[in-house]
Amino acid sequence: MINSTLFLPSKFSSMCFGPIAEYGGGFLITTPFLVRIHGHPTDCSRWTELGMRHLLAEGGFDIDRITTGSWGNRACLRSNLLRWTPYNRWLHSLKNEPDYPVAVWALARK
């Protein structure tokens, strides 16, 4: 039997986040993200900032009380895809490129 929650994120979110939201709790989620954001017309079925916001809202959190963020850049993606490259502050930039996140996070509060 295949678990339908794997294919229905809104069902999953209401089952998992609903009780937390109902009792006034908060929820912090973070995930790796290694694909360029396309955003045409929207990009909320993957774990982009917008996707995280919608997942948590479907789970019962007030969308206006969900804070999201992300960080990453093309150089970081390149250096980590083929082999691990230790960070060197003289060679590597920490400048954020929003279309190339390495990590995405969301904080939801009731």
Foldseek 3Di string as FASTA:
>chain_A
DDDCCVVPLLVVLQVPLVVCLVVFHKDKDKDFDADFADPVVHDQVDPAQNVVLVSNVSNPFDSVQKDKDFFDDPVCSVCVPPHHDDDDPVPDDRDGDSRGGGMMMMMTTD
